[in-house]
């Protein structure tokens, strides 16, 4: 098994990598905060969060605060495990580039 076998293709894109990084250190983050932190458009963020949700790496919760819609994102245990495995594989690759 090669060093890059544990590198997850879903995390290749910088926006998905950013979403997962942010969710690893926050219990939850709302749409506007993620959009602001990643400096992306609504459509771009929605597309990438949908991809991560379909993989069951994040959970999306929609609610209303007063009359305003609010979308929150949470990392799932599967997402935490997959992301940690990905980061560990990258660290291994950096330490042992052979």
PDB file of N, CA and C in Angstrom:
ATOM      1  N   UNK A   1       0.842  -1.186   0.000  1.00  0.00           N
ATOM      2  CA  UNK A   1       0.000   0.000   0.000  1.00  0.00           C
ATOM      3  C   UNK A   1       0.882   1.242   0.000  1.00  0.00           C
ATOM      4  N   UNK A   2       0.652   2.153  -0.939  1.00  0.00           N
ATOM      5  CA  UNK A   2       1.454   3.366  -1.056  1.00  0.00           C
ATOM      6  C   UNK A   2       1.047   4.427  -0.056  1.00  0.00           C
ATOM      7  N   UNK A   3       1.931   5.384   0.104  1.00  0.00           N
ATOM      8  CA  UNK A   3       1.679   6.481   1.045  1.00  0.00           C
ATOM      9  C   UNK A   3       0.448   7.304   0.677  1.00  0.00           C
ATOM     10  N   UNK A   4       0.175   7.416  -0.616  1.00  0.00           N
ATOM     11  CA  UNK A   4      -0.935   8.291  -1.014  1.00  0.00           C
ATOM     12  C   UNK A   4      -2.291   7.589  -1.019  1.00  0.00           C
ATOM     13  N   UNK A   5      -2.328   6.313  -0.659  1.00  0.00           N
ATOM     14  CA  UNK A   5      -3.598   5.574  -0.656  1.00  0.00           C
ATOM     15  C   UNK A   5      -4.630   6.156   0.304  1.00  0.00           C
ATOM     16  N   UNK A   6      -4.189   6.778   1.386  1.00  0.00           N
ATOM     17  CA  UNK A   6      -5.125   7.340   2.368  1.00  0.00           C
ATOM     18  C   UNK A   6      -5.483   8.795   2.093  1.00  0.00           C
ATOM     19  N   UNK A   7      -4.950   9.355   1.014  1.00  0.00           N
ATOM     20  CA  UNK A   7      -5.310  10.724   0.654  1.00  0.00           C
ATOM     21  C   UNK A   7      -6.682  10.688  -0.010  1.00  0.00           C
ATOM     22  N   UNK A   8      -7.589  11.453   0.544  1.00  0.00           N
ATOM     23  CA  UNK A   8      -8.992  11.431   0.127  1.00  0.00           C
ATOM     24  C   UNK A   8      -9.236  12.443  -0.990  1.00  0.00           C
ATOM     25  N   UNK A   9      -9.674  11.963  -2.144  1.00  0.00           N
ATOM     26  CA  UNK A   9      -9.925  12.825  -3.301  1.00  0.00           C
ATOM     27  C   UNK A   9     -10.982  13.894  -3.018  1.00  0.00           C
ATOM     28  N   UNK A  10     -11.915  13.611  -2.114  1.00  0.00           N
ATOM     29  CA  UNK A  10     -12.949  14.599  -1.787  1.00  0.00           C
ATOM     30  C   UNK A  10     -12.350  15.862  -1.170  1.00  0.00           C
ATOM     31  N   UNK A  11     -11.185  15.725  -0.561  1.00  0.00           N
ATOM     32  CA  UNK A  11     -10.553  16.871   0.084  1.00  0.00           C
ATOM     33  C   UNK A  11      -9.528  17.558  -0.816  1.00  0.00           C
ATOM     34  N   UNK A  12      -9.459  17.154  -2.091  1.00  0.00           N
ATOM     35  CA  UNK A  12      -8.527  17.774  -3.034  1.00  0.00           C
ATOM     36  C   UNK A  12      -8.838  19.246  -3.270  1.00  0.00           C
ATOM     37  N   UNK A  13     -10.103  19.595  -3.250  1.00  0.00           N
ATOM     38  CA  UNK A  13     -10.487  20.972  -3.544  1.00  0.00           C
ATOM     39  C   UNK A  13     -10.274  21.856  -2.322  1.00  0.00           C
ATOM     40  N   UNK A  14      -9.699  23.017  -2.524  1.00  0.00           N
ATOM     41  CA  UNK A  14      -9.353  23.898  -1.392  1.00  0.00           C
ATOM     42  C   UNK A  14     -10.573  24.319  -0.589  1.00  0.00           C
ATOM     43  N   UNK A  15     -11.732  24.464  -1.227  1.00  0.00           N
ATOM     44  CA  UNK A  15     -12.930  24.891  -0.491  1.00  0.00           C
ATOM     45  C   UNK A  15     -13.411  23.760   0.424  1.00  0.00           C
ATOM     46  N   UNK A  16     -13.430  22.533  -0.076  1.00  0.00           N
ATOM     47  CA  UNK A  16     -13.836  21.402   0.784  1.00  0.00           C
ATOM     48  C   UNK A  16     -12.816  21.186   1.898  1.00  0.00           C
ATOM     49  N   UNK A  17     -11.556  21.365   1.592  1.00  0.00           N
ATOM     50  CA  UNK A  17     -10.511  21.260   2.608  1.00  0.00           C
ATOM     51  C   UNK A  17     -10.736  22.333   3.681  1.00  0.00           C
ATOM     52  N   UNK A  18     -11.083  23.534   3.250  1.00  0.00           N
ATOM     53  CA  UNK A  18     -11.352  24.631   4.179  1.00  0.00           C
ATOM     54  C   UNK A  18     -12.574  24.369   5.042  1.00  0.00           C
ATOM     55  N   UNK A  19     -13.643  23.873   4.426  1.00  0.00           N
ATOM     56  CA  UNK A  19     -14.873  23.561   5.173  1.00  0.00           C
ATOM     57  C   UNK A  19     -14.566  22.555   6.270  1.00  0.00           C
ATOM     58  N   UNK A  20     -13.867  21.481   5.897  1.00  0.00           N
ATOM     59  CA  UNK A  20     -13.562  20.436   6.876  1.00  0.00           C
ATOM     60  C   UNK A  20     -12.638  20.959   7.971  1.00  0.00           C
ATOM     61  N   UNK A  21     -11.656  21.762   7.600  1.00  0.00           N
ATOM     62  CA  UNK A  21     -10.727  22.325   8.597  1.00  0.00           C
ATOM     63  C   UNK A  21     -11.475  23.184   9.608  1.00  0.00           C
ATOM     64  N   UNK A  22     -12.377  24.020   9.118  1.00  0.00           N
ATOM     65  CA  UNK A  22     -13.162  24.897   9.991  1.00  0.00           C
ATOM     66  C   UNK A  22     -14.063  24.067  10.913  1.00  0.00           C
ATOM     67  N   UNK A  23     -14.693  23.036  10.352  1.00  0.00           N
ATOM     68  CA  UNK A  23     -15.621  22.230  11.157  1.00  0.00           C
ATOM     69  C   UNK A  23     -14.902  21.313  12.152  1.00  0.00           C
ATOM     70  N   UNK A  24     -13.635  21.024  11.904  1.00  0.00           N
ATOM     71  CA  UNK A  24     -12.874  20.201  12.857  1.00  0.00           C
ATOM     72  C   UNK A  24     -12.666  20.952  14.177  1.00  0.00           C
ATOM     73  N   UNK A  25     -12.639  22.278  14.118  1.00  0.00           N
ATOM     74  CA  UNK A  25     -12.330  23.063  15.328  1.00  0.00           C
ATOM     75  C   UNK A  25     -13.513  23.878  15.859  1.00  0.00           C
ATOM     76  N   UNK A  26     -14.671  23.730  15.222  1.00  0.00           N
ATOM     77  CA  UNK A  26     -15.889  24.422  15.670  1.00  0.00           C
ATOM     78  C   UNK A  26     -17.019  23.407  15.780  1.00  0.00           C
ATOM     79  N   UNK A  27     -17.838  23.525  16.814  1.00  0.00           N
ATOM     80  CA  UNK A  27     -18.975  22.607  16.965  1.00  0.00           C
ATOM     81  C   UNK A  27     -19.933  22.721  15.788  1.00  0.00           C
ATOM     82  N   UNK A  28     -20.182  23.952  15.355  1.00  0.00           N
ATOM     83  CA  UNK A  28     -21.024  24.198  14.194  1.00  0.00           C
ATOM     84  C   UNK A  28     -20.673  25.565  13.638  1.00  0.00           C
ATOM     85  N   UNK A  29     -20.961  25.752  12.357  1.00  0.00           N
ATOM     86  CA  UNK A  29     -20.707  27.034  11.700  1.00  0.00           C
ATOM     87  C   UNK A  29     -21.878  27.301  10.770  1.00  0.00           C
ATOM     88  N   UNK A  30     -22.354  28.556  10.752  1.00  0.00           N
ATOM     89  CA  UNK A  30     -23.474  28.843   9.856  1.00  0.00           C
ATOM     90  C   UNK A  30     -22.978  29.254   8.466  1.00  0.00           C
ATOM     91  N   UNK A  31     -23.905  29.257   7.530  1.00  0.00           N
ATOM     92  CA  UNK A  31     -23.599  29.497   6.120  1.00  0.00           C
ATOM     93  C   UNK A  31     -22.827  30.796   5.914  1.00  0.00           C
ATOM     94  N   UNK A  32     -23.321  31.882   6.499  1.00  0.00           N
ATOM     95  CA  UNK A  32     -22.684  33.185   6.276  1.00  0.00           C
ATOM     96  C   UNK A  32     -21.262  33.236   6.829  1.00  0.00           C
ATOM     97  N   UNK A  33     -21.050  32.602   7.948  1.00  0.00           N
ATOM     98  CA  UNK A  33     -19.700  32.579   8.549  1.00  0.00           C
ATOM     99  C   UNK A  33     -18.743  31.769   7.673  1.00  0.00           C
ATOM    100  N   UNK A  34     -19.198  30.603   7.206  1.00  0.00           N
ATOM    101  CA  UNK A  34     -18.366  29.786   6.313  1.00  0.00           C
ATOM    102  C   UNK A  34     -18.038  30.560   5.044  1.00  0.00           C
ATOM    103  N   UNK A  35     -19.048  31.197   4.484  1.00  0.00           N
ATOM    104  CA  UNK A  35     -18.886  31.976   3.251  1.00  0.00           C
ATOM    105  C   UNK A  35     -17.842  33.086   3.450  1.00  0.00           C
ATOM    106  N   UNK A  36     -17.933  33.746   4.589  1.00  0.00           N
ATOM    107  CA  UNK A  36     -17.005  34.832   4.928  1.00  0.00           C
ATOM    108  C   UNK A  36     -15.582  34.293   5.128  1.00  0.00           C
ATOM    109  N   UNK A  37     -15.447  33.217   5.881  1.00  0.00           N
ATOM    110  CA  UNK A  37     -14.123  32.645   6.169  1.00  0.00           C
ATOM    111  C   UNK A  37     -13.435  32.131   4.905  1.00  0.00           C
ATOM    112  N   UNK A  38     -14.219  31.567   3.993  1.00  0.00           N
ATOM    113  CA  UNK A  38     -13.644  30.959   2.788  1.00  0.00           C
ATOM    114  C   UNK A  38     -13.634  31.899   1.590  1.00  0.00           C
ATOM    115  N   UNK A  39     -14.329  33.041   1.707  1.00  0.00           N
ATOM    116  CA  UNK A  39     -14.412  34.030   0.637  1.00  0.00           C
ATOM    117  C   UNK A  39     -14.892  33.403  -0.680  1.00  0.00           C
ATOM    118  N   UNK A  40     -16.076  32.795  -0.617  1.00  0.00           N
ATOM    119  CA  UNK A  40     -16.674  32.132  -1.779  1.00  0.00           C
ATOM    120  C   UNK A  40     -18.094  32.641  -2.014  1.00  0.00           C
ATOM    121  N   UNK A  41     -18.625  32.332  -3.188  1.00  0.00           N
ATOM    122  CA  UNK A  41     -20.003  32.721  -3.502  1.00  0.00           C
ATOM    123  C   UNK A  41     -20.978  31.749  -2.840  1.00  0.00           C
ATOM    124  N   UNK A  42     -22.234  32.165  -2.747  1.00  0.00           N
ATOM    125  CA  UNK A  42     -23.282  31.300  -2.190  1.00  0.00           C
ATOM    126  C   UNK A  42     -23.340  29.965  -2.928  1.00  0.00           C
ATOM    127  N   UNK A  43     -23.393  30.028  -4.264  1.00  0.00           N
ATOM    128  CA  UNK A  43     -23.525  28.824  -5.074  1.00  0.00           C
ATOM    129  C   UNK A  43     -22.337  27.891  -4.941  1.00  0.00           C
ATOM    130  N   UNK A  44     -21.155  28.472  -4.889  1.00  0.00           N
ATOM    131  CA  UNK A  44     -19.942  27.675  -4.751  1.00  0.00           C
ATOM    132  C   UNK A  44     -19.928  26.939  -3.413  1.00  0.00           C
ATOM    133  N   UNK A  45     -20.260  27.667  -2.342  1.00  0.00           N
ATOM    134  CA  UNK A  45     -20.294  27.055  -1.015  1.00  0.00           C
ATOM    135  C   UNK A  45     -21.371  25.970  -0.951  1.00  0.00           C
ATOM    136  N   UNK A  46     -22.541  26.259  -1.488  1.00  0.00           N
ATOM    137  CA  UNK A  46     -23.636  25.280  -1.472  1.00  0.00           C
ATOM    138  C   UNK A  46     -23.248  24.002  -2.206  1.00  0.00           C
ATOM    139  N   UNK A  47     -22.576  24.135  -3.325  1.00  0.00           N
ATOM    140  CA  UNK A  47     -22.146  22.980  -4.120  1.00  0.00           C
ATOM    141  C   UNK A  47     -21.163  22.103  -3.334  1.00  0.00           C
ATOM    142  N   UNK A  48     -20.187  22.729  -2.698  1.00  0.00           N
ATOM    143  CA  UNK A  48     -19.176  21.962  -1.957  1.00  0.00           C
ATOM    144  C   UNK A  48     -19.730  21.351  -0.669  1.00  0.00           C
ATOM    145  N   UNK A  49     -20.610  22.063   0.009  1.00  0.00           N
ATOM    146  CA  UNK A  49     -21.200  21.483   1.225  1.00  0.00           C
ATOM    147  C   UNK A  49     -22.098  20.297   0.859  1.00  0.00           C
ATOM    148  N   UNK A  50     -22.778  20.392  -0.281  1.00  0.00           N
ATOM    149  CA  UNK A  50     -23.638  19.284  -0.740  1.00  0.00           C
ATOM    150  C   UNK A  50     -22.794  18.035  -1.013  1.00  0.00           C
ATOM    151  N   UNK A  51     -21.646  18.223  -1.640  1.00  0.00           N
ATOM    152  CA  UNK A  51     -20.737  17.101  -1.912  1.00  0.00           C
ATOM    153  C   UNK A  51     -20.313  16.429  -0.608  1.00  0.00           C
ATOM    154  N   UNK A  52     -19.952  17.234   0.379  1.00  0.00           N
ATOM    155  CA  UNK A  52     -19.527  16.686   1.674  1.00  0.00           C
ATOM    156  C   UNK A  52     -20.696  16.046   2.415  1.00  0.00           C
ATOM    157  N   UNK A  53     -21.888  16.618   2.268  1.00  0.00           N
ATOM    158  CA  UNK A  53     -23.076  16.031   2.899  1.00  0.00           C
ATOM    159  C   UNK A  53     -23.400  14.679   2.252  1.00  0.00           C
ATOM    160  N   UNK A  54     -23.307  14.592   0.947  1.00  0.00           N
ATOM    161  CA  UNK A  54     -23.580  13.331   0.244  1.00  0.00           C
ATOM    162  C   UNK A  54     -22.621  12.223   0.668  1.00  0.00           C
ATOM    163  N   UNK A  55     -21.387  12.599   1.024  1.00  0.00           N
ATOM    164  CA  UNK A  55     -20.396  11.631   1.507  1.00  0.00           C
ATOM    165  C   UNK A  55     -20.608  11.313   2.986  1.00  0.00           C
ATOM    166  N   UNK A  56     -21.575  12.007   3.608  1.00  0.00           N
ATOM    167  CA  UNK A  56     -21.880  11.874   5.035  1.00  0.00           C
ATOM    168  C   UNK A  56     -20.737  12.343   5.931  1.00  0.00           C
ATOM    169  N   UNK A  57     -19.945  13.302   5.426  1.00  0.00           N
ATOM    170  CA  UNK A  57     -18.859  13.875   6.204  1.00  0.00           C
ATOM    171  C   UNK A  57     -19.327  15.080   7.012  1.00  0.00           C
ATOM    172  N   UNK A  58     -20.400  15.719   6.541  1.00  0.00           N
ATOM    173  CA  UNK A  58     -20.980  16.825   7.299  1.00  0.00           C
ATOM    174  C   UNK A  58     -22.494  16.658   7.337  1.00  0.00           C
ATOM    175  N   UNK A  59     -23.092  17.315   8.322  1.00  0.00           N
ATOM    176  CA  UNK A  59     -24.549  17.327   8.460  1.00  0.00           C
ATOM    177  C   UNK A  59     -24.996  18.774   8.311  1.00  0.00           C
ATOM    178  N   UNK A  60     -26.092  18.961   7.576  1.00  0.00           N
ATOM    179  CA  UNK A  60     -26.624  20.301   7.362  1.00  0.00           C
ATOM    180  C   UNK A  60     -27.961  20.408   8.082  1.00  0.00           C
ATOM    181  N   UNK A  61     -28.093  21.458   8.876  1.00  0.00           N
ATOM    182  CA  UNK A  61     -29.331  21.674   9.630  1.00  0.00           C
ATOM    183  C   UNK A  61     -29.908  23.030   9.235  1.00  0.00           C
ATOM    184  N   UNK A  62     -31.123  23.015   8.734  1.00  0.00           N
ATOM    185  CA  UNK A  62     -31.784  24.261   8.331  1.00  0.00           C
ATOM    186  C   UNK A  62     -32.883  24.598   9.336  1.00  0.00           C
ATOM    187  N   UNK A  63     -32.937  25.862   9.718  1.00  0.00           N
ATOM    188  CA  UNK A  63     -33.943  26.324  10.682  1.00  0.00           C
ATOM    189  C   UNK A  63     -34.238  27.787  10.387  1.00  0.00           C
ATOM    190  N   UNK A  64     -35.160  28.327  11.142  1.00  0.00           N
ATOM    191  CA  UNK A  64     -35.459  29.756  11.038  1.00  0.00           C
ATOM    192  C   UNK A  64     -35.156  30.415  12.364  1.00  0.00           C
ATOM    193  N   UNK A  65     -34.530  31.573  12.290  1.00  0.00           N
ATOM    194  CA  UNK A  65     -34.327  32.397  13.468  1.00  0.00           C
ATOM    195  C   UNK A  65     -35.218  33.606  13.217  1.00  0.00           C
ATOM    196  N   UNK A  66     -36.342  33.641  13.929  1.00  0.00           N
ATOM    197  CA  UNK A  66     -37.374  34.613  13.593  1.00  0.00           C
ATOM    198  C   UNK A  66     -37.920  34.230  12.225  1.00  0.00           C
ATOM    199  N   UNK A  67     -37.852  35.128  11.284  1.00  0.00           N
ATOM    200  CA  UNK A  67     -38.320  34.828   9.926  1.00  0.00           C
ATOM    201  C   UNK A  67     -37.160  34.605   8.965  1.00  0.00           C
ATOM    202  N   UNK A  68     -35.937  34.640   9.496  1.00  0.00           N
ATOM    203  CA  UNK A  68     -34.759  34.493   8.631  1.00  0.00           C
ATOM    204  C   UNK A  68     -34.281  33.045   8.611  1.00  0.00           C
ATOM    205  N   UNK A  69     -34.055  32.508   7.409  1.00  0.00           N
ATOM    206  CA  UNK A  69     -33.512  31.142   7.329  1.00  0.00           C
ATOM    207  C   UNK A  69     -32.085  31.103   7.869  1.00  0.00           C
ATOM    208  N   UNK A  70     -31.742  30.010   8.524  1.00  0.00           N
ATOM    209  CA  UNK A  70     -30.403  29.830   9.068  1.00  0.00           C
ATOM    210  C   UNK A  70     -29.958  28.399   8.754  1.00  0.00           C
ATOM    211  N   UNK A  71     -28.810  28.271   8.117  1.00  0.00           N
ATOM    212  CA  UNK A  71     -28.254  26.965   7.787  1.00  0.00           C
ATOM    213  C   UNK A  71     -26.975  26.783   8.582  1.00  0.00           C
ATOM    214  N   UNK A  72     -26.912  25.665   9.322  1.00  0.00           N
ATOM    215  CA  UNK A  72     -25.721  25.355  10.117  1.00  0.00           C
ATOM    216  C   UNK A  72     -25.115  24.058   9.623  1.00  0.00           C
ATOM    217  N   UNK A  73     -23.808  23.977   9.750  1.00  0.00           N
ATOM    218  CA  UNK A  73     -23.058  22.797   9.316  1.00  0.00           C
ATOM    219  C   UNK A  73     -22.323  22.202  10.503  1.00  0.00           C
ATOM    220  N   UNK A  74     -22.319  20.878  10.560  1.00  0.00           N
ATOM    221  CA  UNK A  74     -21.655  20.118  11.617  1.00  0.00           C
ATOM    222  C   UNK A  74     -20.828  19.027  10.954  1.00  0.00           C
ATOM    223  N   UNK A  75     -19.684  18.702  11.531  1.00  0.00           N
ATOM    224  CA  UNK A  75     -18.908  17.574  11.022  1.00  0.00           C
ATOM    225  C   UNK A  75     -19.451  16.299  11.670  1.00  0.00           C
ATOM    226  N   UNK A  76     -19.509  15.216  10.927  1.00  0.00           N
ATOM    227  CA  UNK A  76     -19.984  13.936  11.466  1.00  0.00           C
ATOM    228  C   UNK A  76     -18.781  13.139  11.993  1.00  0.00           C
ATOM    229  N   UNK A  77     -19.035  12.121  12.815  1.00  0.00           N
ATOM    230  CA  UNK A  77     -17.921  11.270  13.261  1.00  0.00           C
ATOM    231  C   UNK A  77     -17.170  10.655  12.063  1.00  0.00           C
ATOM    232  N   UNK A  78     -17.908  10.250  11.032  1.00  0.00           N
ATOM    233  CA  UNK A  78     -17.280   9.702   9.825  1.00  0.00           C
ATOM    234  C   UNK A  78     -16.402  10.763   9.152  1.00  0.00           C
ATOM    235  N   UNK A  79     -16.900  11.994   9.106  1.00  0.00           N
ATOM    236  CA  UNK A  79     -16.140  13.091   8.520  1.00  0.00           C
ATOM    237  C   UNK A  79     -14.858  13.371   9.289  1.00  0.00           C
ATOM    238  N   UNK A  80     -14.952  13.367  10.619  1.00  0.00           N
ATOM    239  CA  UNK A  80     -13.764  13.583  11.457  1.00  0.00           C
ATOM    240  C   UNK A  80     -12.723  12.508  11.195  1.00  0.00           C
ATOM    241  N   UNK A  81     -13.184  11.271  11.147  1.00  0.00           N
ATOM    242  CA  UNK A  81     -12.291  10.131  10.929  1.00  0.00           C
ATOM    243  C   UNK A  81     -11.627  10.225   9.542  1.00  0.00           C
ATOM    244  N   UNK A  82     -12.403  10.508   8.514  1.00  0.00           N
ATOM    245  CA  UNK A  82     -11.883  10.583   7.148  1.00  0.00           C
ATOM    246  C   UNK A  82     -10.888  11.738   7.008  1.00  0.00           C
ATOM    247  N   UNK A  83     -11.214  12.880   7.624  1.00  0.00           N
ATOM    248  CA  UNK A  83     -10.341  14.042   7.511  1.00  0.00           C
ATOM    249  C   UNK A  83      -9.036  13.816   8.261  1.00  0.00           C
ATOM    250  N   UNK A  84      -9.128  13.216   9.432  1.00  0.00           N
ATOM    251  CA  UNK A  84      -7.920  12.915  10.213  1.00  0.00           C
ATOM    252  C   UNK A  84      -7.019  11.952   9.440  1.00  0.00           C
ATOM    253  N   UNK A  85      -7.612  10.945   8.831  1.00  0.00           N
ATOM    254  CA  UNK A  85      -6.864   9.969   8.032  1.00  0.00           C
ATOM    255  C   UNK A  85      -6.162  10.681   6.857  1.00  0.00           C
ATOM    256  N   UNK A  86      -6.871  11.605   6.235  1.00  0.00           N
ATOM    257  CA  UNK A  86      -6.326  12.382   5.117  1.00  0.00           C
ATOM    258  C   UNK A  86      -5.128  13.228   5.575  1.00  0.00           C
ATOM    259  N   UNK A  87      -5.294  13.946   6.675  1.00  0.00           N
ATOM    260  CA  UNK A  87      -4.222  14.799   7.201  1.00  0.00           C
ATOM    261  C   UNK A  87      -3.023  13.948   7.624  1.00  0.00           C
ATOM    262  N   UNK A  88      -3.280  12.813   8.280  1.00  0.00           N
ATOM    263  CA  UNK A  88      -2.195  11.909   8.680  1.00  0.00           C
ATOM    264  C   UNK A  88      -1.425  11.414   7.454  1.00  0.00           C
ATOM    265  N   UNK A  89      -2.143  11.107   6.375  1.00  0.00           N
ATOM    266  CA  UNK A  89      -1.494  10.629   5.139  1.00  0.00           C
ATOM    267  C   UNK A  89      -0.626  11.735   4.534  1.00  0.00           C
ATOM    268  N   UNK A  90      -1.122  12.968   4.555  1.00  0.00           N
ATOM    269  CA  UNK A  90      -0.322  14.083   4.036  1.00  0.00           C
ATOM    270  C   UNK A  90       0.938  14.293   4.884  1.00  0.00           C
ATOM    271  N   UNK A  91       0.771  14.197   6.208  1.00  0.00           N
ATOM    272  CA  UNK A  91       1.929  14.358   7.100  1.00  0.00           C
ATOM    273  C   UNK A  91       2.952  13.256   6.871  1.00  0.00           C
ATOM    274  N   UNK A  92       2.474  12.016   6.668  1.00  0.00           N
ATOM    275  CA  UNK A  92       3.379  10.902   6.370  1.00  0.00           C
ATOM    276  C   UNK A  92       4.146  11.155   5.073  1.00  0.00           C
ATOM    277  N   UNK A  93       3.434  11.665   4.091  1.00  0.00           N
ATOM    278  CA  UNK A  93       4.037  11.943   2.782  1.00  0.00           C
ATOM    279  C   UNK A  93       5.125  13.012   2.913  1.00  0.00           C
ATOM    280  N   UNK A  94       4.882  14.015   3.746  1.00  0.00           N
ATOM    281  CA  UNK A  94       5.869  15.080   3.957  1.00  0.00           C
ATOM    282  C   UNK A  94       7.094  14.529   4.702  1.00  0.00           C
ATOM    283  N   UNK A  95       6.850  13.700   5.707  1.00  0.00           N
ATOM    284  CA  UNK A  95       7.960  13.141   6.506  1.00  0.00           C
ATOM    285  C   UNK A  95       8.740  12.080   5.759  1.00  0.00           C
ATOM    286  N   UNK A  96       8.063  11.288   4.944  1.00  0.00           N
ATOM    287  CA  UNK A  96       8.693  10.152   4.252  1.00  0.00           C
ATOM    288  C   UNK A  96       8.393  10.208   2.756  1.00  0.00           C
ATOM    289  N   UNK A  97       9.008  11.128   2.037  1.00  0.00           N
ATOM    290  CA  UNK A  97       8.634  11.330   0.628  1.00  0.00           C
ATOM    291  C   UNK A  97       9.100  10.254  -0.346  1.00  0.00           C
ATOM    292  N   UNK A  98       9.721   9.191   0.125  1.00  0.00           N
ATOM    293  CA  UNK A  98      10.250   8.144  -0.783  1.00  0.00           C
ATOM    294  C   UNK A  98       9.177   7.455  -1.573  1.00  0.00           C
TER     295      UNK A  98
END
